[in-house]
């Protein structure tokens, strides 16, 4: 399963990995990965959705 969201006019699509270290409703993003801006740390994602296959 993959999820996607938009940031600064770009759509980011990532694979889903389940982590017990996150609370329900939290999303962990790979900071430093191309397309993942450090300013997203602590940001609220409004359009997180399952990516089209």
PDB file of N, CA and C in Angstrom:
ATOM      1  N   UNK A   1       0.848  -1.186   0.000  1.00  0.00           N
ATOM      2  CA  UNK A   1       0.000   0.000   0.000  1.00  0.00           C
ATOM      3  C   UNK A   1       0.884   1.237   0.000  1.00  0.00           C
ATOM      4  N   UNK A   2       0.443   2.243  -0.730  1.00  0.00           N
ATOM      5  CA  UNK A   2       1.174   3.505  -0.807  1.00  0.00           C
ATOM      6  C   UNK A   2       0.215   4.633  -0.454  1.00  0.00           C
ATOM      7  N   UNK A   3       0.752   5.698   0.110  1.00  0.00           N
ATOM      8  CA  UNK A   3      -0.041   6.891   0.399  1.00  0.00           C
ATOM      9  C   UNK A   3       0.559   8.066  -0.347  1.00  0.00           C
ATOM     10  N   UNK A   4      -0.250   9.079  -0.560  1.00  0.00           N
ATOM     11  CA  UNK A   4       0.256  10.285  -1.211  1.00  0.00           C
ATOM     12  C   UNK A   4      -0.328  11.511  -0.524  1.00  0.00           C
ATOM     13  N   UNK A   5       0.372  12.624  -0.677  1.00  0.00           N
ATOM     14  CA  UNK A   5      -0.086  13.914  -0.180  1.00  0.00           C
ATOM     15  C   UNK A   5       0.574  14.984  -1.023  1.00  0.00           C
ATOM     16  N   UNK A   6       0.034  16.187  -0.951  1.00  0.00           N
ATOM     17  CA  UNK A   6       0.586  17.308  -1.714  1.00  0.00           C
ATOM     18  C   UNK A   6       1.277  18.277  -0.780  1.00  0.00           C
ATOM     19  N   UNK A   7       2.367  18.845  -1.269  1.00  0.00           N
ATOM     20  CA  UNK A   7       3.084  19.876  -0.525  1.00  0.00           C
ATOM     21  C   UNK A   7       3.729  20.815  -1.530  1.00  0.00           C
ATOM     22  N   UNK A   8       3.462  22.088  -1.388  1.00  0.00           N
ATOM     23  CA  UNK A   8       4.087  23.114  -2.223  1.00  0.00           C
ATOM     24  C   UNK A   8       3.920  22.818  -3.718  1.00  0.00           C
ATOM     25  N   UNK A   9       2.728  22.354  -4.096  1.00  0.00           N
ATOM     26  CA  UNK A   9       2.440  22.095  -5.500  1.00  0.00           C
ATOM     27  C   UNK A   9       2.940  20.766  -6.033  1.00  0.00           C
ATOM     28  N   UNK A  10       3.575  19.963  -5.202  1.00  0.00           N
ATOM     29  CA  UNK A  10       4.093  18.653  -5.622  1.00  0.00           C
ATOM     30  C   UNK A  10       3.344  17.548  -4.894  1.00  0.00           C
ATOM     31  N   UNK A  11       3.132  16.436  -5.570  1.00  0.00           N
ATOM     32  CA  UNK A  11       2.530  15.269  -4.938  1.00  0.00           C
ATOM     33  C   UNK A  11       3.639  14.303  -4.555  1.00  0.00           C
ATOM     34  N   UNK A  12       3.622  13.871  -3.306  1.00  0.00           N
ATOM     35  CA  UNK A  12       4.613  12.926  -2.782  1.00  0.00           C
ATOM     36  C   UNK A  12       3.899  11.599  -2.556  1.00  0.00           C
ATOM     37  N   UNK A  13       4.477  10.504  -3.039  1.00  0.00           N
ATOM     38  CA  UNK A  13       3.915   9.169  -2.856  1.00  0.00           C
ATOM     39  C   UNK A  13       4.964   8.298  -2.172  1.00  0.00           C
ATOM     40  N   UNK A  14       4.550   7.633  -1.101  1.00  0.00           N
ATOM     41  CA  UNK A  14       5.468   6.822  -0.298  1.00  0.00           C
ATOM     42  C   UNK A  14       4.829   5.490   0.066  1.00  0.00           C
ATOM     43  N   UNK A  15       5.648   4.452   0.294  1.00  0.00           N
ATOM     44  CA  UNK A  15       5.101   3.184   0.782  1.00  0.00           C
ATOM     45  C   UNK A  15       4.688   3.328   2.247  1.00  0.00           C
ATOM     46  N   UNK A  16       3.720   2.535   2.652  1.00  0.00           N
ATOM     47  CA  UNK A  16       3.252   2.540   4.039  1.00  0.00           C
ATOM     48  C   UNK A  16       4.080   1.550   4.843  1.00  0.00           C
ATOM     49  N   UNK A  17       4.553   1.989   6.002  1.00  0.00           N
ATOM     50  CA  UNK A  17       5.213   1.116   6.967  1.00  0.00           C
ATOM     51  C   UNK A  17       4.573   1.398   8.315  1.00  0.00           C
ATOM     52  N   UNK A  18       4.163   0.354   9.019  1.00  0.00           N
ATOM     53  CA  UNK A  18       3.518   0.507  10.319  1.00  0.00           C
ATOM     54  C   UNK A  18       4.601   0.570  11.397  1.00  0.00           C
ATOM     55  N   UNK A  19       4.474   1.561  12.292  1.00  0.00           N
ATOM     56  CA  UNK A  19       5.429   1.716  13.389  1.00  0.00           C
ATOM     57  C   UNK A  19       4.671   1.810  14.707  1.00  0.00           C
ATOM     58  N   UNK A  20       5.031   0.971  15.654  1.00  0.00           N
ATOM     59  CA  UNK A  20       4.393   1.020  16.967  1.00  0.00           C
ATOM     60  C   UNK A  20       4.835   2.239  17.761  1.00  0.00           C
ATOM     61  N   UNK A  21       5.860   2.954  17.283  1.00  0.00           N
ATOM     62  CA  UNK A  21       6.351   4.139  17.972  1.00  0.00           C
ATOM     63  C   UNK A  21       5.523   5.386  17.716  1.00  0.00           C
ATOM     64  N   UNK A  22       4.538   5.288  16.825  1.00  0.00           N
ATOM     65  CA  UNK A  22       3.682   6.433  16.516  1.00  0.00           C
ATOM     66  C   UNK A  22       2.295   6.213  17.102  1.00  0.00           C
ATOM     67  N   UNK A  23       1.698   7.283  17.586  1.00  0.00           N
ATOM     68  CA  UNK A  23       0.336   7.216  18.113  1.00  0.00           C
ATOM     69  C   UNK A  23      -0.661   7.189  16.957  1.00  0.00           C
ATOM     70  N   UNK A  24      -1.870   6.756  17.238  1.00  0.00           N
ATOM     71  CA  UNK A  24      -2.929   6.749  16.221  1.00  0.00           C
ATOM     72  C   UNK A  24      -3.091   8.152  15.656  1.00  0.00           C
ATOM     73  N   UNK A  25      -3.153   8.247  14.332  1.00  0.00           N
ATOM     74  CA  UNK A  25      -3.311   9.541  13.671  1.00  0.00           C
ATOM     75  C   UNK A  25      -2.009  10.225  13.322  1.00  0.00           C
ATOM     76  N   UNK A  26      -0.889   9.698  13.792  1.00  0.00           N
ATOM     77  CA  UNK A  26       0.405  10.291  13.464  1.00  0.00           C
ATOM     78  C   UNK A  26       0.991   9.638  12.221  1.00  0.00           C
ATOM     79  N   UNK A  27       1.762  10.441  11.464  1.00  0.00           N
ATOM     80  CA  UNK A  27       2.451   9.962  10.272  1.00  0.00           C
ATOM     81  C   UNK A  27       3.924  10.290  10.422  1.00  0.00           C
ATOM     82  N   UNK A  28       4.778   9.313  10.225  1.00  0.00           N
ATOM     83  CA  UNK A  28       6.219   9.549  10.239  1.00  0.00           C
ATOM     84  C   UNK A  28       6.709   9.677   8.806  1.00  0.00           C
ATOM     85  N   UNK A  29       7.414  10.747   8.503  1.00  0.00           N
ATOM     86  CA  UNK A  29       7.933  10.965   7.152  1.00  0.00           C
ATOM     87  C   UNK A  29       9.453  10.862   7.152  1.00  0.00           C
ATOM     88  N   UNK A  30      10.038  10.327   6.078  1.00  0.00           N
ATOM     89  CA  UNK A  30      11.495  10.181   5.991  1.00  0.00           C
ATOM     90  C   UNK A  30      12.168  11.517   5.666  1.00  0.00           C
ATOM     91  N   UNK A  31      12.470  12.303   6.675  1.00  0.00           N
ATOM     92  CA  UNK A  31      13.101  13.614   6.469  1.00  0.00           C
ATOM     93  C   UNK A  31      14.449  13.444   5.782  1.00  0.00           C
ATOM     94  N   UNK A  32      14.749  14.328   4.854  1.00  0.00           N
ATOM     95  CA  UNK A  32      15.998  14.271   4.115  1.00  0.00           C
ATOM     96  C   UNK A  32      15.889  13.495   2.813  1.00  0.00           C
ATOM     97  N   UNK A  33      14.795  12.794   2.625  1.00  0.00           N
ATOM     98  CA  UNK A  33      14.568  12.076   1.371  1.00  0.00           C
ATOM     99  C   UNK A  33      14.143  13.085   0.310  1.00  0.00           C
ATOM    100  N   UNK A  34      14.580  12.936  -0.930  1.00  0.00           N
ATOM    101  CA  UNK A  34      14.158  13.878  -1.972  1.00  0.00           C
ATOM    102  C   UNK A  34      12.636  14.012  -2.015  1.00  0.00           C
ATOM    103  N   UNK A  35      12.158  15.241  -2.037  1.00  0.00           N
ATOM    104  CA  UNK A  35      10.723  15.507  -2.062  1.00  0.00           C
ATOM    105  C   UNK A  35      10.108  15.691  -0.694  1.00  0.00           C
ATOM    106  N   UNK A  36      10.847  15.378   0.370  1.00  0.00           N
ATOM    107  CA  UNK A  36      10.344  15.550   1.734  1.00  0.00           C
ATOM    108  C   UNK A  36      11.093  16.719   2.355  1.00  0.00           C
ATOM    109  N   UNK A  37      10.450  17.858   2.384  1.00  0.00           N
ATOM    110  CA  UNK A  37      11.097  19.070   2.904  1.00  0.00           C
ATOM    111  C   UNK A  37      11.149  19.039   4.430  1.00  0.00           C
ATOM    112  N   UNK A  38      12.282  19.444   5.026  1.00  0.00           N
ATOM    113  CA  UNK A  38      12.383  19.484   6.488  1.00  0.00           C
ATOM    114  C   UNK A  38      11.312  20.357   7.142  1.00  0.00           C
ATOM    115  N   UNK A  39      10.761  21.330   6.413  1.00  0.00           N
ATOM    116  CA  UNK A  39       9.720  22.176   7.007  1.00  0.00           C
ATOM    117  C   UNK A  39       8.436  21.393   7.265  1.00  0.00           C
ATOM    118  N   UNK A  40       8.337  20.165   6.771  1.00  0.00           N
ATOM    119  CA  UNK A  40       7.164  19.338   7.047  1.00  0.00           C
ATOM    120  C   UNK A  40       7.187  18.759   8.458  1.00  0.00           C
ATOM    121  N   UNK A  41       8.311  18.825   9.142  1.00  0.00           N
ATOM    122  CA  UNK A  41       8.390  18.310  10.511  1.00  0.00           C
ATOM    123  C   UNK A  41       7.372  19.044  11.376  1.00  0.00           C
ATOM    124  N   UNK A  42       6.460  18.305  11.952  1.00  0.00           N
ATOM    125  CA  UNK A  42       5.428  18.888  12.804  1.00  0.00           C
ATOM    126  C   UNK A  42       4.246  19.462  12.046  1.00  0.00           C
ATOM    127  N   UNK A  43       4.263  19.380  10.719  1.00  0.00           N
ATOM    128  CA  UNK A  43       3.171  19.940   9.913  1.00  0.00           C
ATOM    129  C   UNK A  43       1.948  19.028   9.965  1.00  0.00           C
ATOM    130  N   UNK A  44       0.812  19.610   9.654  1.00  0.00           N
ATOM    131  CA  UNK A  44      -0.438  18.857   9.582  1.00  0.00           C
ATOM    132  C   UNK A  44      -0.728  18.561   8.108  1.00  0.00           C
ATOM    133  N   UNK A  45      -0.909  17.282   7.776  1.00  0.00           N
ATOM    134  CA  UNK A  45      -1.230  16.882   6.405  1.00  0.00           C
ATOM    135  C   UNK A  45      -2.745  16.832   6.258  1.00  0.00           C
ATOM    136  N   UNK A  46      -3.273  17.631   5.349  1.00  0.00           N
ATOM    137  CA  UNK A  46      -4.718  17.693   5.163  1.00  0.00           C
ATOM    138  C   UNK A  46      -5.219  16.750   4.080  1.00  0.00           C
ATOM    139  N   UNK A  47      -4.360  16.332   3.169  1.00  0.00           N
ATOM    140  CA  UNK A  47      -4.834  15.543   2.031  1.00  0.00           C
ATOM    141  C   UNK A  47      -4.149  14.185   1.906  1.00  0.00           C
ATOM    142  N   UNK A  48      -3.785  13.577   3.028  1.00  0.00           N
ATOM    143  CA  UNK A  48      -3.178  12.245   3.012  1.00  0.00           C
ATOM    144  C   UNK A  48      -4.222  11.247   2.516  1.00  0.00           C
ATOM    145  N   UNK A  49      -3.856  10.451   1.534  1.00  0.00           N
ATOM    146  CA  UNK A  49      -4.810   9.516   0.937  1.00  0.00           C
ATOM    147  C   UNK A  49      -4.067   8.292   0.405  1.00  0.00           C
ATOM    148  N   UNK A  50      -4.816   7.227   0.172  1.00  0.00           N
ATOM    149  CA  UNK A  50      -4.223   6.048  -0.449  1.00  0.00           C
ATOM    150  C   UNK A  50      -3.899   6.391  -1.891  1.00  0.00           C
ATOM    151  N   UNK A  51      -2.688   6.062  -2.305  1.00  0.00           N
ATOM    152  CA  UNK A  51      -2.249   6.374  -3.665  1.00  0.00           C
ATOM    153  C   UNK A  51      -2.913   5.426  -4.652  1.00  0.00           C
ATOM    154  N   UNK A  52      -3.153   5.918  -5.837  1.00  0.00           N
ATOM    155  CA  UNK A  52      -3.703   5.089  -6.908  1.00  0.00           C
ATOM    156  C   UNK A  52      -2.651   4.080  -7.341  1.00  0.00           C
ATOM    157  N   UNK A  53      -3.070   2.872  -7.571  1.00  0.00           N
ATOM    158  CA  UNK A  53      -2.141   1.805  -7.961  1.00  0.00           C
ATOM    159  C   UNK A  53      -1.775   1.893  -9.405  1.00  0.00           C
TER     160      UNK A  53
END
